[in-house]
PDB file of N, CA and C in Angstrom:
ATOM      1  N   MET A   1      11.959  32.988   6.190  1.00  0.00           N
ATOM      2  CA  MET A   1      12.662  31.992   7.791  1.00  0.00           C
ATOM      3  C   MET A   1      13.854  32.196   8.251  1.00  0.00           C
ATOM      4  N   ALA A   2      14.548  32.256   9.726  1.00  0.00           N
ATOM      5  CA  ALA A   2      15.712  32.258   9.953  1.00  0.00           C
ATOM      6  C   ALA A   2      15.734  31.127  10.006  1.00  0.00           C
ATOM      7  N   LYS A   3      17.111  30.553   9.647  1.00  0.00           N
ATOM      8  CA  LYS A   3      17.878  29.324   9.976  1.00  0.00           C
ATOM      9  C   LYS A   3      17.560  28.413  10.514  1.00  0.00           C
ATOM     10  N   SER A   4      17.463  28.933  11.966  1.00  0.00           N
ATOM     11  CA  SER A   4      17.106  27.999  13.194  1.00  0.00           C
ATOM     12  C   SER A   4      15.422  27.824  13.065  1.00  0.00           C
ATOM     13  N   ALA A   5      14.947  28.904  12.734  1.00  0.00           N
ATOM     14  CA  ALA A   5      13.450  28.470  12.667  1.00  0.00           C
ATOM     15  C   ALA A   5      13.551  27.557  11.321  1.00  0.00           C
ATOM     16  N   LYS A   6      14.046  26.985  10.233  1.00  0.00           N
ATOM     17  CA  LYS A   6      13.996  26.188   9.345  1.00  0.00           C
ATOM     18  C   LYS A   6      14.028  24.880  10.486  1.00  0.00           C
ATOM     19  N   LEU A   7      15.306  25.008  11.088  1.00  0.00           N
ATOM     20  CA  LEU A   7      15.348  23.538  11.577  1.00  0.00           C
ATOM     21  C   LEU A   7      14.205  23.077  12.723  1.00  0.00           C
ATOM     22  N   ASP A   8      14.249  24.246  13.268  1.00  0.00           N
ATOM     23  CA  ASP A   8      12.986  23.681  13.829  1.00  0.00           C
ATOM     24  C   ASP A   8      11.540  23.457  13.203  1.00  0.00           C
ATOM     25  N   VAL A   9      11.618  23.636  12.095  1.00  0.00           N
ATOM     26  CA  VAL A   9      10.104  22.598  11.237  1.00  0.00           C
ATOM     27  C   VAL A   9      11.011  21.529  11.265  1.00  0.00           C
ATOM     28  N   LEU A  10      11.986  20.961  11.085  1.00  0.00           N
ATOM     29  CA  LEU A  10      12.215  20.080  10.329  1.00  0.00           C
ATOM     30  C   LEU A  10      12.215  19.500  11.701  1.00  0.00           C
ATOM     31  N   LEU A  11      12.969  19.482  12.696  1.00  0.00           N
ATOM     32  CA  LEU A  11      12.471  19.122  13.574  1.00  0.00           C
ATOM     33  C   LEU A  11      10.718  18.446  14.620  1.00  0.00           C
ATOM     34  N   ALA A  12      10.170  19.403  14.086  1.00  0.00           N
ATOM     35  CA  ALA A  12       8.675  19.386  14.257  1.00  0.00           C
ATOM     36  C   ALA A  12       8.862  18.257  13.413  1.00  0.00           C
ATOM     37  N   HIS A  13       9.039  18.030  12.087  1.00  0.00           N
ATOM     38  CA  HIS A  13       8.214  17.242  10.775  1.00  0.00           C
ATOM     39  C   HIS A  13       8.604  15.870  11.345  1.00  0.00           C
ATOM     40  N   ALA A  14       9.902  16.017  11.452  1.00  0.00           N
ATOM     41  CA  ALA A  14      10.967  14.633  11.593  1.00  0.00           C
ATOM     42  C   ALA A  14      10.310  14.252  13.229  1.00  0.00           C
ATOM     43  N   ARG A  15       9.818  14.538  14.648  1.00  0.00           N
ATOM     44  CA  ARG A  15       9.078  13.982  15.297  1.00  0.00           C
ATOM     45  C   ARG A  15       8.008  13.812  15.183  1.00  0.00           C
ATOM     46  N   ALA A  16       7.096  14.212  14.207  1.00  0.00           N
ATOM     47  CA  ALA A  16       5.868  13.720  13.841  1.00  0.00           C
ATOM     48  C   ALA A  16       5.452  12.475  13.044  1.00  0.00           C
ATOM     49  N   HIS A  17       6.751  12.514  11.992  1.00  0.00           N
ATOM     50  CA  HIS A  17       6.880  10.991  11.077  1.00  0.00           C
ATOM     51  C   HIS A  17       7.094  10.018  12.014  1.00  0.00           C
ATOM     52  N   CYS A  18       8.071  10.282  13.156  1.00  0.00           N
ATOM     53  CA  CYS A  18       8.284   9.147  14.419  1.00  0.00           C
ATOM     54  C   CYS A  18       7.237   8.765  15.197  1.00  0.00           C
ATOM     55  N   ASP A  19       6.310   9.805  15.522  1.00  0.00           N
ATOM     56  CA  ASP A  19       5.577   9.046  16.253  1.00  0.00           C
ATOM     57  C   ASP A  19       4.486   8.207  15.219  1.00  0.00           C
ATOM     58  N   ARG A  20       4.169   8.874  13.900  1.00  0.00           N
ATOM     59  CA  ARG A  20       2.977   8.432  13.331  1.00  0.00           C
ATOM     60  C   ARG A  20       3.693   6.971  12.877  1.00  0.00           C
ATOM     61  N   GLU A  21       4.947   7.027  12.693  1.00  0.00           N
ATOM     62  CA  GLU A  21       5.597   5.879  12.478  1.00  0.00           C
ATOM     63  C   GLU A  21       6.062   4.887  13.395  1.00  0.00           C
ATOM     64  N   GLY A  22       6.332   5.319  14.834  1.00  0.00           N
ATOM     65  CA  GLY A  22       6.453   4.911  16.083  1.00  0.00           C
ATOM     66  C   GLY A  22       7.424   4.005  15.727  1.00  0.00           C
ATOM     67  N   ILE A  23       9.003   5.081  15.126  1.00  0.00           N
ATOM     68  CA  ILE A  23      10.354   4.549  15.539  1.00  0.00           C
ATOM     69  C   ILE A  23      10.780   5.899  16.243  1.00  0.00           C
ATOM     70  N   ARG A  24      12.304   6.065  16.822  1.00  0.00           N
ATOM     71  CA  ARG A  24      12.971   6.835  16.873  1.00  0.00           C
ATOM     72  C   ARG A  24      13.589   7.733  16.085  1.00  0.00           C
ATOM     73  N   LEU A  25      13.990   9.072  16.793  1.00  0.00           N
ATOM     74  CA  LEU A  25      14.481   9.891  16.272  1.00  0.00           C
ATOM     75  C   LEU A  25      15.612   9.493  15.135  1.00  0.00           C
ATOM     76  N   SER A  26      16.741   8.329  16.226  1.00  0.00           N
ATOM     77  CA  SER A  26      17.656   8.207  15.155  1.00  0.00           C
ATOM     78  C   SER A  26      17.361   6.983  14.205  1.00  0.00           C
ATOM     79  N   THR A  27      16.727   6.615  14.407  1.00  0.00           N
ATOM     80  CA  THR A  27      16.138   5.063  13.598  1.00  0.00           C
ATOM     81  C   THR A  27      15.301   6.650  11.856  1.00  0.00           C
ATOM     82  N   LEU A  28      15.060   7.413  12.300  1.00  0.00           N
ATOM     83  CA  LEU A  28      14.699   8.630  11.315  1.00  0.00           C
ATOM     84  C   LEU A  28      15.448   8.941  10.409  1.00  0.00           C
ATOM     85  N   SER A  29      16.924   9.559  11.498  1.00  0.00           N
ATOM     86  CA  SER A  29      18.371  10.506  11.226  1.00  0.00           C
ATOM     87  C   SER A  29      18.915   9.554  10.428  1.00  0.00           C
ATOM     88  N   THR A  30      19.122   8.242  10.765  1.00  0.00           N
ATOM     89  CA  THR A  30      20.128   6.992   9.413  1.00  0.00           C
ATOM     90  C   THR A  30      18.924   7.250   8.675  1.00  0.00           C
ATOM     91  N   ARG A  31      17.911   6.581   8.494  1.00  0.00           N
ATOM     92  CA  ARG A  31      16.867   6.701   7.268  1.00  0.00           C
ATOM     93  C   ARG A  31      17.553   8.022   6.215  1.00  0.00           C
ATOM     94  N   LEU A  32      17.429   9.123   7.133  1.00  0.00           N
ATOM     95  CA  LEU A  32      17.158   9.898   6.234  1.00  0.00           C
ATOM     96  C   LEU A  32      18.667  10.421   6.063  1.00  0.00           C
ATOM     97  N   PHE A  33      19.927  10.639   6.314  1.00  0.00           N
ATOM     98  CA  PHE A  33      21.038  10.545   6.063  1.00  0.00           C
ATOM     99  C   PHE A  33      22.319   9.842   6.659  1.00  0.00           C
ATOM    100  N   ASN A  34      22.300   9.123   6.741  1.00  0.00           N
ATOM    101  CA  ASN A  34      22.637   7.336   6.994  1.00  0.00           C
ATOM    102  C   ASN A  34      23.640   7.972   8.242  1.00  0.00           C
ATOM    103  N   ASP A  35      23.333   8.878   8.834  1.00  0.00           N
ATOM    104  CA  ASP A  35      23.996   9.440  10.588  1.00  0.00           C
ATOM    105  C   ASP A  35      22.839   9.185  11.628  1.00  0.00           C
ATOM    106  N   GLY A  36      22.942   8.139  12.869  1.00  0.00           N
ATOM    107  CA  GLY A  36      21.786   8.271  13.058  1.00  0.00           C
ATOM    108  C   GLY A  36      21.840   9.244  13.982  1.00  0.00           C
ATOM    109  N   LYS A  37      22.831   9.814  14.467  1.00  0.00           N
ATOM    110  CA  LYS A  37      23.114  11.178  15.131  1.00  0.00           C
ATOM    111  C   LYS A  37      22.506  12.718  14.212  1.00  0.00           C
ATOM    112  N   VAL A  38      22.398  12.715  13.409  1.00  0.00           N
ATOM    113  CA  VAL A  38      22.874  14.259  12.631  1.00  0.00           C
ATOM    114  C   VAL A  38      21.303  14.955  13.235  1.00  0.00           C
ATOM    115  N   LEU A  39      20.050  14.278  13.544  1.00  0.00           N
ATOM    116  CA  LEU A  39      18.934  14.976  14.636  1.00  0.00           C
ATOM    117  C   LEU A  39      18.811  15.526  15.571  1.00  0.00           C
ATOM    118  N   ALA A  40      19.948  14.528  16.334  1.00  0.00           N
ATOM    119  CA  ALA A  40      20.184  15.132  17.589  1.00  0.00           C
ATOM    120  C   ALA A  40      20.970  16.496  17.665  1.00  0.00           C
ATOM    121  N   ARG A  41      22.257  16.214  16.729  1.00  0.00           N
ATOM    122  CA  ARG A  41      22.718  17.330  16.716  1.00  0.00           C
ATOM    123  C   ARG A  41      22.719  18.313  16.325  1.00  0.00           C
ATOM    124  N   ILE A  42      21.383  18.384  15.402  1.00  0.00           N
ATOM    125  CA  ILE A  42      20.518  19.780  15.505  1.00  0.00           C
ATOM    126  C   ILE A  42      19.746  20.318  16.602  1.00  0.00           C
ATOM    127  N   GLU A  43      19.634  19.563  17.204  1.00  0.00           N
ATOM    128  CA  GLU A  43      18.452  19.489  18.392  1.00  0.00           C
ATOM    129  C   GLU A  43      19.460  20.181  19.488  1.00  0.00           C
ATOM    130  N   ARG A  44      20.102  19.641  19.264  1.00  0.00           N
ATOM    131  CA  ARG A  44      21.967  20.645  20.355  1.00  0.00           C
ATOM    132  C   ARG A  44      22.024  21.949  19.796  1.00  0.00           C
ATOM    133  N   GLY A  45      21.859  21.998  18.747  1.00  0.00           N
ATOM    134  CA  GLY A  45      22.231  23.413  18.213  1.00  0.00           C
ATOM    135  C   GLY A  45      23.177  23.814  17.050  1.00  0.00           C
ATOM    136  N   ALA A  46      23.177  22.608  16.285  1.00  0.00           N
ATOM    137  CA  ALA A  46      24.373  21.870  15.260  1.00  0.00           C
ATOM    138  C   ALA A  46      23.118  22.719  14.024  1.00  0.00           C
ATOM    139  N   ASP A  47      24.036  22.712  12.413  1.00  0.00           N
ATOM    140  CA  ASP A  47      23.273  23.189  11.426  1.00  0.00           C
ATOM    141  C   ASP A  47      23.888  21.954  10.735  1.00  0.00           C
ATOM    142  N   MET A  48      23.406  22.525   9.490  1.00  0.00           N
ATOM    143  CA  MET A  48      22.957  21.624   7.942  1.00  0.00           C
ATOM    144  C   MET A  48      23.302  22.646   6.959  1.00  0.00           C
ATOM    145  N   THR A  49      23.787  21.887   6.154  1.00  0.00           N
ATOM    146  CA  THR A  49      23.500  22.179   4.841  1.00  0.00           C
ATOM    147  C   THR A  49      22.122  22.283   4.467  1.00  0.00           C
ATOM    148  N   LEU A  50      22.001  23.249   3.149  1.00  0.00           N
ATOM    149  CA  LEU A  50      20.926  23.708   2.988  1.00  0.00           C
ATOM    150  C   LEU A  50      20.181  22.730   1.889  1.00  0.00           C
ATOM    151  N   ARG A  51      20.968  21.466   1.427  1.00  0.00           N
ATOM    152  CA  ARG A  51      20.992  20.602   0.496  1.00  0.00           C
ATOM    153  C   ARG A  51      20.624  19.311   1.050  1.00  0.00           C
ATOM    154  N   ARG A  52      20.940  18.755   2.100  1.00  0.00           N
ATOM    155  CA  ARG A  52      20.652  18.511   3.383  1.00  0.00           C
ATOM    156  C   ARG A  52      19.479  18.155   3.640  1.00  0.00           C
ATOM    157  N   TYR A  53      19.158  19.588   4.296  1.00  0.00           N
ATOM    158  CA  TYR A  53      17.971  19.929   4.983  1.00  0.00           C
ATOM    159  C   TYR A  53      17.128  20.346   3.638  1.00  0.00           C
ATOM    160  N   SER A  54      16.696  20.669   2.496  1.00  0.00           N
ATOM    161  CA  SER A  54      16.094  20.507   1.431  1.00  0.00           C
ATOM    162  C   SER A  54      15.860  18.905   0.923  1.00  0.00           C
ATOM    163  N   ARG A  55      16.619  18.047   0.950  1.00  0.00           N
ATOM    164  CA  ARG A  55      15.974  16.643   0.893  1.00  0.00           C
ATOM    165  C   ARG A  55      15.365  16.153   1.845  1.00  0.00           C
ATOM    166  N   ALA A  56      16.105  16.598   3.057  1.00  0.00           N
ATOM    167  CA  ALA A  56      15.348  15.933   4.627  1.00  0.00           C
ATOM    168  C   ALA A  56      13.381  16.349   4.004  1.00  0.00           C
ATOM    169  N   MET A  57      13.544  17.798   4.319  1.00  0.00           N
ATOM    170  CA  MET A  57      12.293  18.174   4.328  1.00  0.00           C
ATOM    171  C   MET A  57      11.313  17.403   2.983  1.00  0.00           C
ATOM    172  N   THR A  58      11.936  16.966   2.068  1.00  0.00           N
ATOM    173  CA  THR A  58      11.291  16.342   0.601  1.00  0.00           C
ATOM    174  C   THR A  58      10.611  14.961   1.459  1.00  0.00           C
ATOM    175  N   MET A  59      11.868  14.392   2.065  1.00  0.00           N
ATOM    176  CA  MET A  59      11.555  13.099   2.340  1.00  0.00           C
ATOM    177  C   MET A  59      10.150  12.950   3.080  1.00  0.00           C
ATOM    178  N   LEU A  60      10.511  14.099   3.897  1.00  0.00           N
ATOM    179  CA  LEU A  60       9.384  14.227   5.477  1.00  0.00           C
ATOM    180  C   LEU A  60       7.407  14.398   4.665  1.00  0.00           C
ATOM    181  N   SER A  61       8.063  15.368   3.183  1.00  0.00           N
ATOM    182  CA  SER A  61       6.898  15.424   2.886  1.00  0.00           C
ATOM    183  C   SER A  61       6.087  14.465   2.002  1.00  0.00           C
ATOM    184  N   GLU A  62       6.586  13.275   2.053  1.00  0.00           N
ATOM    185  CA  GLU A  62       6.199  12.119   1.238  1.00  0.00           C
ATOM    186  C   GLU A  62       5.367  11.423   2.208  1.00  0.00           C
ATOM    187  N   PRO A  63       4.426  10.592   1.341  1.00  0.00           N
ATOM    188  CA  PRO A  63       3.717   9.930   2.208  1.00  0.00           C
ATOM    189  C   PRO A  63       4.129   8.404   3.300  1.00  0.00           C
ATOM    190  N   PRO A  64       3.234   8.353   4.217  1.00  0.00           N
ATOM    191  CA  PRO A  64       3.850   7.326   4.968  1.00  0.00           C
ATOM    192  C   PRO A  64       4.543   6.427   4.286  1.00  0.00           C
ATOM    193  N   GLY A  65       5.374   5.658   4.640  1.00  0.00           N
ATOM    194  CA  GLY A  65       6.683   4.210   3.940  1.00  0.00           C
ATOM    195  C   GLY A  65       7.642   4.772   3.362  1.00  0.00           C
ATOM    196  N   VAL A  66       7.572   5.838   2.125  1.00  0.00           N
ATOM    197  CA  VAL A  66       8.381   6.122   1.413  1.00  0.00           C
ATOM    198  C   VAL A  66       9.859   6.556   1.857  1.00  0.00           C
ATOM    199  N   VAL A  67      10.024   7.328   3.171  1.00  0.00           N
ATOM    200  CA  VAL A  67      11.033   7.432   3.561  1.00  0.00           C
ATOM    201  C   VAL A  67      11.946   6.039   4.377  1.00  0.00           C
ATOM    202  N   ASP A  68      10.743   5.232   4.380  1.00  0.00           N
ATOM    203  CA  ASP A  68      11.708   3.474   4.489  1.00  0.00           C
ATOM    204  C   ASP A  68      12.064   2.959   3.669  1.00  0.00           C
ATOM    205  N   ASN A  69      12.085   3.609   1.802  1.00  0.00           N
ATOM    206  CA  ASN A  69      12.533   2.830   1.391  1.00  0.00           C
ATOM    207  C   ASN A  69      13.535   4.137  -0.014  1.00  0.00           C
ATOM    208  N   PHE A  70      14.023   5.013   1.272  1.00  0.00           N
ATOM    209  CA  PHE A  70      14.980   6.025   0.991  1.00  0.00           C
ATOM    210  C   PHE A  70      16.358   6.039   0.284  1.00  0.00           C
ATOM    211  N   ARG A  71      16.868   6.344   0.139  1.00  0.00           N
ATOM    212  CA  ARG A  71      17.966   6.036  -0.264  1.00  0.00           C
ATOM    213  C   ARG A  71      19.158   6.670   0.733  1.00  0.00           C
ATOM    214  N   PRO A  72      19.645   6.772   1.697  1.00  0.00           N
ATOM    215  CA  PRO A  72      20.196   8.228   2.103  1.00  0.00           C
ATOM    216  C   PRO A  72      20.804   9.265   1.676  1.00  0.00           C
ATOM    217  N   LEU A  73      21.214  10.369   1.829  1.00  0.00           N
ATOM    218  CA  LEU A  73      22.006  11.074   0.557  1.00  0.00           C
ATOM    219  C   LEU A  73      23.604  11.522   0.601  1.00  0.00           C
ATOM    220  N   LEU A  74      24.340  10.186  -0.065  1.00  0.00           N
ATOM    221  CA  LEU A  74      25.951  10.064   0.534  1.00  0.00           C
ATOM    222  C   LEU A  74      26.699  11.055  -0.201  1.00  0.00           C
ATOM    223  N   GLY A  75      26.712  10.970  -1.361  1.00  0.00           N
ATOM    224  CA  GLY A  75      27.710  11.561  -1.957  1.00  0.00           C
ATOM    225  C   GLY A  75      27.602  13.131  -2.108  1.00  0.00           C
ATOM    226  N   THR A  76      28.621  13.767  -2.077  1.00  0.00           N
ATOM    227  CA  THR A  76      27.864  15.451  -2.762  1.00  0.00           C
ATOM    228  C   THR A  76      29.117  15.880  -3.557  1.00  0.00           C
ATOM    229  N   SER A  77      29.375  14.897  -4.598  1.00  0.00           N
ATOM    230  CA  SER A  77      29.440  14.949  -5.796  1.00  0.00           C
ATOM    231  C   SER A  77      28.903  15.274  -7.704  1.00  0.00           C
ATOM    232  N   ALA A  78      29.292  15.686  -8.379  1.00  0.00           N
ATOM    233  CA  ALA A  78      28.023  16.563  -9.220  1.00  0.00           C
ATOM    234  C   ALA A  78      27.481  14.516  -9.518  1.00  0.00           C
ATOM    235  N   GLY A  79      28.805  13.657  -9.827  1.00  0.00           N
ATOM    236  CA  GLY A  79      27.923  12.632 -10.186  1.00  0.00           C
ATOM    237  C   GLY A  79      27.203  11.833  -9.844  1.00  0.00           C
ATOM    238  N   GLY A  80      27.835  11.582  -8.090  1.00  0.00           N
ATOM    239  CA  GLY A  80      27.000  11.434  -7.245  1.00  0.00           C
ATOM    240  C   GLY A  80      25.551  11.575  -7.445  1.00  0.00           C
ATOM    241  N   ILE A  81      25.046  13.580  -7.053  1.00  0.00           N
ATOM    242  CA  ILE A  81      24.024  13.862  -7.594  1.00  0.00           C
ATOM    243  C   ILE A  81      23.228  12.765  -8.572  1.00  0.00           C
ATOM    244  N   ALA A  82      23.222  12.703  -9.780  1.00  0.00           N
ATOM    245  CA  ALA A  82      23.376  12.110 -10.555  1.00  0.00           C
ATOM    246  C   ALA A  82      23.047  11.756 -10.755  1.00  0.00           C
ATOM    247  N   ARG A  83      23.920   9.725 -10.187  1.00  0.00           N
ATOM    248  CA  ARG A  83      23.392   8.551 -10.049  1.00  0.00           C
ATOM    249  C   ARG A  83      22.212   8.857  -9.131  1.00  0.00           C
ATOM    250  N   ASP A  84      22.187   9.503  -7.749  1.00  0.00           N
ATOM    251  CA  ASP A  84      21.487   9.715  -6.881  1.00  0.00           C
ATOM    252  C   ASP A  84      19.709  10.426  -7.825  1.00  0.00           C
ATOM    253  N   LEU A  85      19.709  11.193  -8.417  1.00  0.00           N
ATOM    254  CA  LEU A  85      18.267  11.211  -9.085  1.00  0.00           C
ATOM    255  C   LEU A  85      18.200  10.440  -9.982  1.00  0.00           C
ATOM    256  N   GLN A  86      18.671   9.530 -10.527  1.00  0.00           N
ATOM    257  CA  GLN A  86      18.917   8.323 -11.817  1.00  0.00           C
ATOM    258  C   GLN A  86      18.158   7.155 -10.946  1.00  0.00           C
ATOM    259  N   GLN A  87      18.495   7.436  -9.434  1.00  0.00           N
ATOM    260  CA  GLN A  87      17.797   5.733  -8.936  1.00  0.00           C
ATOM    261  C   GLN A  87      16.558   6.257  -7.731  1.00  0.00           C
ATOM    262  N   ARG A  88      15.818   7.597  -7.988  1.00  0.00           N
ATOM    263  CA  ARG A  88      14.505   7.688  -7.821  1.00  0.00           C
ATOM    264  C   ARG A  88      13.626   7.511  -8.701  1.00  0.00           C
TER     265      ARG A  88
END
């Protein structure tokens, strides 16, 4: 799948989640990335790292309500990844 097609899939999942939960895309973006503008930037053609993409798709495939209790992916260090995985 091409890069833009993957991001289109991410946006489709994000929009479906927002419709189900009755929230704005910016709210979901904040919950997923700790930045309310990430999904809007992707809509305008911005790119994202594979790590952020994979994490977002994993969270969007979870049952309803899980994203609300999710800690955004903040750190990029190995220690940050280990701490993040321990918190799950």
